[in-house]
N, C-alpha and C. Protein backbone atom coordinates (compact mmCIF):
# COMPACT_ATOMS: atom_id res chain seq x y z
N MET A 1 203.07 250.31 60.62
CA MET A 1 204.14 249.67 61.31
C MET A 1 204.21 250.24 62.73
N ILE A 2 204.10 249.37 63.71
CA ILE A 2 204.14 249.78 65.11
C ILE A 2 205.49 249.36 65.68
N GLN A 3 206.16 250.31 66.33
CA GLN A 3 207.43 249.99 66.96
C GLN A 3 207.38 250.43 68.41
N VAL A 4 207.99 249.65 69.26
CA VAL A 4 208.08 250.01 70.67
C VAL A 4 209.32 250.87 70.82
N ASN A 5 209.12 252.14 71.28
CA ASN A 5 210.23 253.08 71.37
C ASN A 5 210.62 253.40 72.80
N SER A 6 210.02 252.78 73.75
CA SER A 6 210.32 253.09 75.14
C SER A 6 211.67 252.48 75.52
N SER A 7 212.52 253.31 76.08
CA SER A 7 213.84 252.81 76.46
C SER A 7 213.77 251.94 77.70
N SER A 8 212.66 252.05 78.47
CA SER A 8 212.55 251.23 79.67
C SER A 8 212.02 249.83 79.34
N SER A 9 211.55 249.62 78.12
CA SER A 9 211.01 248.33 77.74
C SER A 9 212.14 247.36 77.40
N PRO A 10 212.03 246.11 77.85
CA PRO A 10 213.06 245.13 77.51
C PRO A 10 213.00 244.75 76.03
N PHE A 11 211.88 245.09 75.38
CA PHE A 11 211.73 244.75 73.97
C PHE A 11 211.87 245.97 73.07
N ALA A 12 212.55 246.99 73.53
CA ALA A 12 212.67 248.25 72.80
C ALA A 12 213.19 248.01 71.38
N GLY A 13 212.39 248.45 70.40
CA GLY A 13 212.81 248.38 69.00
C GLY A 13 212.76 246.99 68.41
N SER A 14 212.35 245.98 69.18
CA SER A 14 212.40 244.63 68.65
C SER A 14 211.07 244.14 68.08
N TYR A 15 209.96 244.88 68.33
CA TYR A 15 208.67 244.40 67.85
C TYR A 15 208.19 245.27 66.70
N THR A 16 207.82 244.64 65.62
CA THR A 16 207.21 245.33 64.48
C THR A 16 205.94 244.57 64.15
N ALA A 17 204.82 245.30 64.14
CA ALA A 17 203.53 244.68 63.86
C ALA A 17 203.46 244.25 62.40
N PRO A 18 202.74 243.15 62.11
CA PRO A 18 202.60 242.73 60.72
C PRO A 18 201.83 243.77 59.90
N ALA A 19 202.01 243.77 58.61
CA ALA A 19 201.34 244.72 57.73
C ALA A 19 199.83 244.58 57.87
N GLY A 20 199.15 245.71 57.90
CA GLY A 20 197.70 245.70 58.00
C GLY A 20 197.19 245.59 59.42
N TYR A 21 198.07 245.48 60.38
CA TYR A 21 197.66 245.34 61.77
C TYR A 21 197.72 246.71 62.44
N GLY A 22 196.67 247.02 63.21
CA GLY A 22 196.65 248.28 63.93
C GLY A 22 196.26 249.44 63.05
N ARG A 23 196.20 250.59 63.64
CA ARG A 23 195.82 251.78 62.91
C ARG A 23 197.08 252.53 62.50
N PRO A 24 197.15 253.00 61.24
CA PRO A 24 198.35 253.73 60.83
C PRO A 24 198.47 255.06 61.57
N LYS A 25 199.68 255.54 61.69
CA LYS A 25 199.96 256.78 62.38
C LYS A 25 199.50 257.97 61.54
N ARG A 26 198.95 258.97 62.21
CA ARG A 26 198.52 260.17 61.50
C ARG A 26 199.68 260.80 60.75
N GLY A 27 199.33 261.32 59.56
CA GLY A 27 200.34 262.01 58.78
C GLY A 27 201.12 261.10 57.84
N THR A 28 200.96 259.81 57.96
CA THR A 28 201.66 258.88 57.08
C THR A 28 200.82 258.61 55.84
N PRO A 29 201.45 258.17 54.75
CA PRO A 29 200.68 257.84 53.55
C PRO A 29 199.66 256.71 53.79
N ASP A 30 200.00 255.76 54.68
CA ASP A 30 199.05 254.69 55.00
C ASP A 30 197.80 255.23 55.67
N TYR A 31 198.00 256.21 56.54
CA TYR A 31 196.87 256.83 57.24
C TYR A 31 195.95 257.52 56.23
N ALA A 32 196.51 258.28 55.32
CA ALA A 32 195.72 259.00 54.33
C ALA A 32 194.94 258.01 53.44
N ALA A 33 195.58 256.95 53.04
CA ALA A 33 194.91 255.95 52.20
C ALA A 33 193.77 255.28 52.96
N THR A 34 194.02 254.96 54.23
CA THR A 34 192.98 254.32 55.04
C THR A 34 191.79 255.26 55.22
N MET A 35 192.06 256.52 55.50
CA MET A 35 190.98 257.49 55.68
C MET A 35 190.20 257.69 54.38
N ARG A 36 190.88 257.76 53.23
CA ARG A 36 190.19 257.89 51.95
C ARG A 36 189.27 256.69 51.71
N ALA A 37 189.76 255.50 52.03
CA ALA A 37 188.95 254.29 51.84
C ALA A 37 187.73 254.30 52.76
N GLN A 38 187.92 254.72 54.01
CA GLN A 38 186.79 254.78 54.94
C GLN A 38 185.78 255.83 54.52
N ILE A 39 186.25 256.98 54.05
CA ILE A 39 185.34 258.04 53.59
C ILE A 39 184.57 257.56 52.36
N ALA A 40 185.23 256.87 51.44
CA ALA A 40 184.55 256.35 50.26
C ALA A 40 183.49 255.32 50.65
N ARG A 41 183.82 254.46 51.61
CA ARG A 41 182.87 253.45 52.08
C ARG A 41 181.66 254.11 52.74
N LEU A 42 181.88 255.12 53.58
CA LEU A 42 180.79 255.83 54.24
C LEU A 42 179.94 256.61 53.23
N ALA A 43 180.57 257.20 52.22
CA ALA A 43 179.83 257.92 51.19
C ALA A 43 178.94 256.96 50.41
N ALA A 44 179.45 255.76 50.12
CA ALA A 44 178.65 254.77 49.41
C ALA A 44 177.47 254.31 50.26
N LEU A 45 177.70 254.11 51.56
CA LEU A 45 176.62 253.73 52.47
C LEU A 45 175.56 254.83 52.55
N HIS A 46 176.02 256.08 52.61
CA HIS A 46 175.09 257.21 52.68
C HIS A 46 174.27 257.29 51.40
N ALA A 47 174.91 257.14 50.25
CA ALA A 47 174.19 257.20 48.97
C ALA A 47 173.16 256.08 48.89
N ALA A 48 173.53 254.90 49.38
CA ALA A 48 172.58 253.77 49.36
C ALA A 48 171.40 254.05 50.28
N SER A 49 171.66 254.62 51.46
CA SER A 49 170.56 254.90 52.39
C SER A 49 169.66 256.01 51.86
N VAL A 50 170.22 257.00 51.17
CA VAL A 50 169.41 258.06 50.57
C VAL A 50 168.52 257.48 49.48
N ALA A 51 169.10 256.60 48.65
CA ALA A 51 168.32 255.97 47.58
C ALA A 51 167.21 255.09 48.17
N GLU A 52 167.54 254.38 49.25
CA GLU A 52 166.53 253.53 49.90
C GLU A 52 165.43 254.38 50.52
N ALA A 53 165.80 255.49 51.13
CA ALA A 53 164.80 256.38 51.73
C ALA A 53 163.88 256.95 50.65
N ALA A 54 164.43 257.29 49.49
CA ALA A 54 163.60 257.81 48.40
C ALA A 54 162.65 256.73 47.91
N ALA A 55 163.13 255.50 47.81
CA ALA A 55 162.28 254.39 47.36
C ALA A 55 161.17 254.13 48.37
N VAL A 56 161.50 254.20 49.65
CA VAL A 56 160.50 253.98 50.70
C VAL A 56 159.47 255.11 50.67
N ALA A 57 159.93 256.35 50.47
CA ALA A 57 159.01 257.48 50.43
C ALA A 57 158.02 257.34 49.27
N GLN A 58 158.48 256.79 48.15
CA GLN A 58 157.58 256.60 47.02
C GLN A 58 156.65 255.41 47.27
N ALA A 59 157.07 254.47 48.09
CA ALA A 59 156.29 253.26 48.31
C ALA A 59 155.31 253.38 49.48
N VAL A 60 155.23 254.54 50.11
CA VAL A 60 154.32 254.72 51.24
C VAL A 60 152.89 254.59 50.73
N GLN A 61 152.12 253.77 51.42
CA GLN A 61 150.73 253.56 51.03
C GLN A 61 149.81 254.24 52.03
N THR A 62 148.68 254.67 51.52
CA THR A 62 147.74 255.44 52.32
C THR A 62 146.50 254.62 52.65
N VAL A 63 146.09 254.69 53.90
CA VAL A 63 144.87 254.03 54.36
C VAL A 63 143.94 255.11 54.89
N LEU A 64 142.72 255.15 54.35
CA LEU A 64 141.70 256.09 54.83
C LEU A 64 140.76 255.32 55.75
N VAL A 65 140.63 255.79 56.99
CA VAL A 65 139.75 255.15 57.97
C VAL A 65 138.54 256.06 58.16
N VAL A 66 137.35 255.55 57.81
CA VAL A 66 136.11 256.32 57.95
C VAL A 66 135.26 255.65 59.02
N SER A 67 135.12 256.33 60.15
CA SER A 67 134.30 255.83 61.24
C SER A 67 133.88 257.00 62.11
N SER A 68 132.63 256.98 62.54
CA SER A 68 132.16 258.04 63.43
C SER A 68 132.64 257.80 64.86
N CYS A 69 133.18 256.62 65.12
CA CYS A 69 133.68 256.27 66.46
C CYS A 69 135.18 256.54 66.55
N ALA A 70 135.55 257.48 67.42
CA ALA A 70 136.96 257.84 67.58
C ALA A 70 137.78 256.65 68.09
N LYS A 71 137.17 255.80 68.89
CA LYS A 71 137.86 254.63 69.43
C LYS A 71 138.27 253.66 68.31
N VAL A 72 137.38 253.47 67.34
CA VAL A 72 137.68 252.58 66.21
C VAL A 72 138.81 253.17 65.37
N ARG A 73 138.70 254.47 65.06
CA ARG A 73 139.76 255.12 64.27
C ARG A 73 141.10 255.04 64.99
N GLY A 74 141.09 255.30 66.28
CA GLY A 74 142.34 255.24 67.06
C GLY A 74 142.91 253.84 67.11
N SER A 75 142.05 252.85 67.23
CA SER A 75 142.50 251.46 67.29
C SER A 75 143.19 251.04 65.99
N ILE A 76 142.61 251.41 64.87
CA ILE A 76 143.20 251.05 63.58
C ILE A 76 144.50 251.81 63.36
N LYS A 77 144.51 253.08 63.69
CA LYS A 77 145.74 253.87 63.54
C LYS A 77 146.85 253.31 64.43
N ALA A 78 146.52 252.93 65.65
CA ALA A 78 147.51 252.38 66.57
C ALA A 78 148.05 251.04 66.07
N SER A 79 147.20 250.24 65.45
CA SER A 79 147.68 248.94 64.97
C SER A 79 148.57 249.06 63.74
N LEU A 80 148.50 250.19 63.03
CA LEU A 80 149.33 250.39 61.84
C LEU A 80 150.51 251.33 62.08
N GLN A 81 150.63 251.90 63.28
CA GLN A 81 151.65 252.91 63.52
C GLN A 81 153.08 252.39 63.46
N ASP A 82 153.29 251.09 63.66
CA ASP A 82 154.65 250.54 63.60
C ASP A 82 155.14 250.36 62.17
N SER A 83 154.26 250.44 61.21
CA SER A 83 154.65 250.28 59.81
C SER A 83 155.01 251.65 59.24
N SER A 84 156.28 251.83 58.92
CA SER A 84 156.73 253.12 58.44
C SER A 84 156.27 253.42 57.02
N TRP A 85 155.79 252.43 56.32
CA TRP A 85 155.37 252.63 54.92
C TRP A 85 153.86 252.79 54.78
N VAL A 86 153.16 252.98 55.90
CA VAL A 86 151.71 253.17 55.87
C VAL A 86 151.39 254.51 56.51
N ARG A 87 150.60 255.31 55.78
CA ARG A 87 150.13 256.59 56.31
C ARG A 87 148.62 256.48 56.49
N VAL A 88 148.14 256.83 57.67
CA VAL A 88 146.72 256.69 57.99
C VAL A 88 146.07 258.07 58.00
N ILE A 89 144.97 258.18 57.26
CA ILE A 89 144.15 259.40 57.25
C ILE A 89 142.83 259.04 57.92
N GLU A 90 142.41 259.86 58.86
CA GLU A 90 141.18 259.58 59.59
C GLU A 90 140.06 260.52 59.13
N ALA A 91 138.86 259.97 59.01
CA ALA A 91 137.67 260.76 58.70
C ALA A 91 136.58 260.37 59.69
N SER A 92 136.00 261.38 60.35
CA SER A 92 135.04 261.11 61.42
C SER A 92 133.60 261.02 60.94
N SER A 93 133.37 261.25 59.65
CA SER A 93 132.01 261.17 59.13
C SER A 93 132.05 260.81 57.64
N VAL A 94 130.89 260.52 57.08
CA VAL A 94 130.81 260.20 55.66
C VAL A 94 131.25 261.42 54.84
N ASP A 95 130.81 262.61 55.24
CA ASP A 95 131.18 263.83 54.52
C ASP A 95 132.69 264.06 54.55
N ALA A 96 133.30 263.87 55.72
CA ALA A 96 134.75 264.02 55.83
C ALA A 96 135.47 262.96 55.00
N GLY A 97 134.92 261.77 54.95
CA GLY A 97 135.49 260.70 54.13
C GLY A 97 135.43 261.03 52.66
N LEU A 98 134.29 261.57 52.21
CA LEU A 98 134.15 261.97 50.80
C LEU A 98 135.10 263.11 50.46
N GLU A 99 135.29 264.03 51.40
CA GLU A 99 136.23 265.13 51.19
C GLU A 99 137.66 264.60 51.07
N SER A 100 138.02 263.66 51.94
CA SER A 100 139.35 263.05 51.87
C SER A 100 139.55 262.30 50.56
N LEU A 101 138.52 261.62 50.10
CA LEU A 101 138.59 260.91 48.82
C LEU A 101 138.79 261.88 47.67
N GLY A 102 138.18 263.07 47.78
CA GLY A 102 138.33 264.08 46.74
C GLY A 102 139.73 264.65 46.69
N GLN A 103 140.41 264.71 47.84
CA GLN A 103 141.76 265.26 47.91
C GLN A 103 142.83 264.26 47.53
N GLU A 104 142.63 263.01 47.90
CA GLU A 104 143.67 261.99 47.71
C GLU A 104 143.03 260.61 47.55
N ALA A 105 143.57 259.84 46.62
CA ALA A 105 143.05 258.48 46.41
C ALA A 105 143.83 257.51 47.29
N PRO A 106 143.20 256.96 48.32
CA PRO A 106 143.92 256.04 49.21
C PRO A 106 144.10 254.67 48.55
N ASP A 107 145.12 253.95 49.00
CA ASP A 107 145.35 252.60 48.51
C ASP A 107 144.33 251.62 49.09
N LEU A 108 143.84 251.94 50.29
CA LEU A 108 142.87 251.07 50.95
C LEU A 108 142.00 251.93 51.86
N MET A 109 140.72 251.59 51.93
CA MET A 109 139.81 252.27 52.83
C MET A 109 139.34 251.27 53.89
N VAL A 110 139.24 251.73 55.12
CA VAL A 110 138.65 250.94 56.19
C VAL A 110 137.42 251.71 56.63
N VAL A 111 136.24 251.10 56.42
CA VAL A 111 134.99 251.81 56.61
C VAL A 111 134.13 251.08 57.63
N ASP A 112 133.64 251.83 58.61
CA ASP A 112 132.71 251.28 59.59
C ASP A 112 131.37 251.03 58.88
N TYR A 113 130.69 249.97 59.28
CA TYR A 113 129.46 249.57 58.59
C TYR A 113 128.43 250.69 58.53
N GLN A 114 128.28 251.45 59.63
CA GLN A 114 127.28 252.52 59.64
C GLN A 114 127.69 253.71 58.76
N ASP A 115 128.96 253.79 58.35
CA ASP A 115 129.44 254.87 57.49
C ASP A 115 129.69 254.38 56.06
N ARG A 116 129.08 253.27 55.67
CA ARG A 116 129.35 252.65 54.37
C ARG A 116 128.85 253.48 53.19
N ALA A 117 128.07 254.53 53.44
CA ALA A 117 127.60 255.40 52.35
C ALA A 117 128.77 256.04 51.60
N VAL A 118 129.92 256.15 52.24
CA VAL A 118 131.10 256.72 51.59
C VAL A 118 131.55 255.86 50.41
N LEU A 119 131.19 254.59 50.42
CA LEU A 119 131.59 253.68 49.35
C LEU A 119 130.82 253.92 48.05
N ALA A 120 129.80 254.78 48.09
CA ALA A 120 129.05 255.11 46.88
C ALA A 120 129.87 256.02 45.95
N SER A 121 130.93 256.62 46.47
CA SER A 121 131.78 257.50 45.67
C SER A 121 132.54 256.69 44.62
N PRO A 122 132.65 257.24 43.40
CA PRO A 122 133.42 256.53 42.37
C PRO A 122 134.91 256.43 42.70
N ALA A 123 135.40 257.30 43.58
CA ALA A 123 136.82 257.27 43.96
C ALA A 123 137.14 256.14 44.93
N ALA A 124 136.12 255.56 45.53
CA ALA A 124 136.33 254.46 46.48
C ALA A 124 136.60 253.18 45.70
N GLU A 125 137.84 252.68 45.80
CA GLU A 125 138.21 251.50 45.01
C GLU A 125 138.29 250.21 45.82
N ARG A 126 139.11 250.18 46.86
CA ARG A 126 139.30 248.97 47.67
C ARG A 126 138.93 249.31 49.11
N ALA A 127 138.06 248.49 49.69
CA ALA A 127 137.59 248.80 51.03
C ALA A 127 137.54 247.55 51.90
N VAL A 128 137.77 247.77 53.18
CA VAL A 128 137.58 246.76 54.21
C VAL A 128 136.46 247.29 55.09
N LEU A 129 135.49 246.46 55.34
CA LEU A 129 134.32 246.86 56.11
C LEU A 129 134.46 246.36 57.54
N ILE A 130 134.15 247.23 58.51
CA ILE A 130 134.13 246.84 59.92
C ILE A 130 132.68 246.58 60.29
N ALA A 131 132.40 245.38 60.78
CA ALA A 131 131.01 245.04 61.10
C ALA A 131 130.95 244.21 62.37
N ASP A 132 129.81 244.31 63.06
CA ASP A 132 129.57 243.48 64.25
C ASP A 132 129.27 242.05 63.84
N GLN A 133 128.60 241.91 62.73
CA GLN A 133 128.28 240.58 62.19
C GLN A 133 128.40 240.66 60.67
N VAL A 134 128.54 239.53 60.03
CA VAL A 134 128.71 239.51 58.58
C VAL A 134 127.39 239.93 57.93
N PRO A 135 127.44 241.00 57.11
CA PRO A 135 126.22 241.44 56.44
C PRO A 135 125.76 240.44 55.38
N ARG A 136 124.49 240.53 55.01
CA ARG A 136 123.99 239.65 53.94
C ARG A 136 124.70 239.99 52.64
N SER A 137 124.83 239.01 51.77
CA SER A 137 125.61 239.20 50.54
C SER A 137 125.05 240.33 49.67
N GLY A 138 123.76 240.58 49.69
CA GLY A 138 123.18 241.66 48.91
C GLY A 138 123.59 243.04 49.41
N GLU A 139 124.01 243.12 50.67
CA GLU A 139 124.38 244.40 51.27
C GLU A 139 125.88 244.71 51.13
N LEU A 140 126.63 243.81 50.53
CA LEU A 140 128.07 244.01 50.42
C LEU A 140 128.42 244.85 49.20
N PRO A 141 129.20 245.90 49.39
CA PRO A 141 129.59 246.74 48.26
C PRO A 141 130.58 246.02 47.34
N ALA A 142 130.63 246.45 46.08
CA ALA A 142 131.50 245.81 45.09
C ALA A 142 132.99 246.04 45.39
N GLN A 143 133.32 247.13 46.05
CA GLN A 143 134.72 247.46 46.34
C GLN A 143 135.30 246.66 47.50
N LEU A 144 134.49 245.85 48.13
CA LEU A 144 134.90 245.15 49.35
C LEU A 144 135.99 244.12 49.06
N VAL A 145 137.12 244.25 49.78
CA VAL A 145 138.21 243.28 49.66
C VAL A 145 138.45 242.54 50.98
N GLY A 146 137.73 242.91 52.03
CA GLY A 146 137.91 242.25 53.31
C GLY A 146 136.90 242.72 54.34
N LEU A 147 136.77 241.94 55.40
CA LEU A 147 135.90 242.26 56.52
C LEU A 147 136.70 242.21 57.81
N LEU A 148 136.46 243.16 58.69
CA LEU A 148 137.04 243.14 60.04
C LEU A 148 135.88 242.99 61.02
N ALA A 149 135.92 241.95 61.83
CA ALA A 149 134.86 241.72 62.81
C ALA A 149 135.22 242.37 64.13
N ARG A 150 134.21 242.90 64.77
CA ARG A 150 134.42 243.44 66.11
C ARG A 150 134.43 242.29 67.10
N PRO A 151 135.14 242.37 68.17
CA PRO A 151 136.02 243.45 68.62
C PRO A 151 137.31 243.48 67.80
N LEU A 152 137.82 244.70 67.59
CA LEU A 152 139.03 244.88 66.80
C LEU A 152 140.26 244.57 67.66
N LYS A 153 140.99 243.55 67.29
CA LYS A 153 142.22 243.19 68.00
C LYS A 153 143.40 243.69 67.16
N PRO A 154 144.30 244.46 67.76
CA PRO A 154 145.37 245.11 67.00
C PRO A 154 146.19 244.16 66.13
N GLU A 155 146.57 242.99 66.66
CA GLU A 155 147.40 242.08 65.87
C GLU A 155 146.64 241.54 64.66
N ARG A 156 145.35 241.27 64.82
CA ARG A 156 144.55 240.79 63.69
C ARG A 156 144.32 241.89 62.67
N VAL A 157 144.05 243.10 63.14
CA VAL A 157 143.83 244.23 62.25
C VAL A 157 145.08 244.51 61.43
N SER A 158 146.23 244.61 62.11
CA SER A 158 147.46 244.92 61.38
C SER A 158 147.82 243.81 60.41
N ARG A 159 147.66 242.56 60.80
CA ARG A 159 148.00 241.44 59.91
C ARG A 159 147.13 241.47 58.66
N GLN A 160 145.83 241.68 58.83
CA GLN A 160 144.93 241.68 57.68
C GLN A 160 145.16 242.89 56.78
N LEU A 161 145.26 244.09 57.37
CA LEU A 161 145.42 245.28 56.56
C LEU A 161 146.78 245.34 55.87
N LEU A 162 147.84 244.96 56.57
CA LEU A 162 149.17 244.96 55.95
C LEU A 162 149.24 243.91 54.84
N GLY A 163 148.57 242.79 55.02
CA GLY A 163 148.52 241.78 53.97
C GLY A 163 147.80 242.30 52.73
N LEU A 164 146.68 243.00 52.93
CA LEU A 164 145.95 243.57 51.80
C LEU A 164 146.77 244.66 51.11
N LEU A 165 147.47 245.48 51.89
CA LEU A 165 148.31 246.53 51.29
C LEU A 165 149.47 245.93 50.51
N ALA A 166 150.05 244.86 51.02
CA ALA A 166 151.15 244.21 50.31
C ALA A 166 150.66 243.62 49.00
N ALA A 167 149.44 243.11 48.98
CA ALA A 167 148.88 242.54 47.76
C ALA A 167 148.57 243.64 46.74
N VAL A 168 148.18 244.81 47.24
CA VAL A 168 147.86 245.94 46.36
C VAL A 168 149.12 246.55 45.76
N GLY A 169 150.13 246.77 46.64
CA GLY A 169 151.34 247.48 46.22
C GLY A 169 152.35 246.58 45.68
């Protein structure tokens, strides 16, 4: 309830705000009830955001990029950096790729054609091959789920890889 108490006002004491209008005065029972309701609402929002963050943390997918070319690895990492649910692991050689496969099973591998020997590992499940031209069908590994043609364009790379990850997860 808001009242005008100024003696210089021509409307002194004549205006009373309708119920629910304005902010209640500190120290009143209305104020305490309003604050309890706001605190409960904020606590519920916080609990929901914590639960959502936990779900997102569990849903993070891993992409292993195996390429001896730092420019290729950087290009793929840059095209996926806006996706908060994708973690990119880089390997600069076949040996580093095999070591990464031994430590963690990625949801998707992106492998440069010249580093395709990493796909011989039994841990390699789903792979996208980067090639200058489409290889002959006899040269395609069984784990292949997609091809990326050079030159690598960020929007095309992210669209294709995020689509494959969404289909996997």
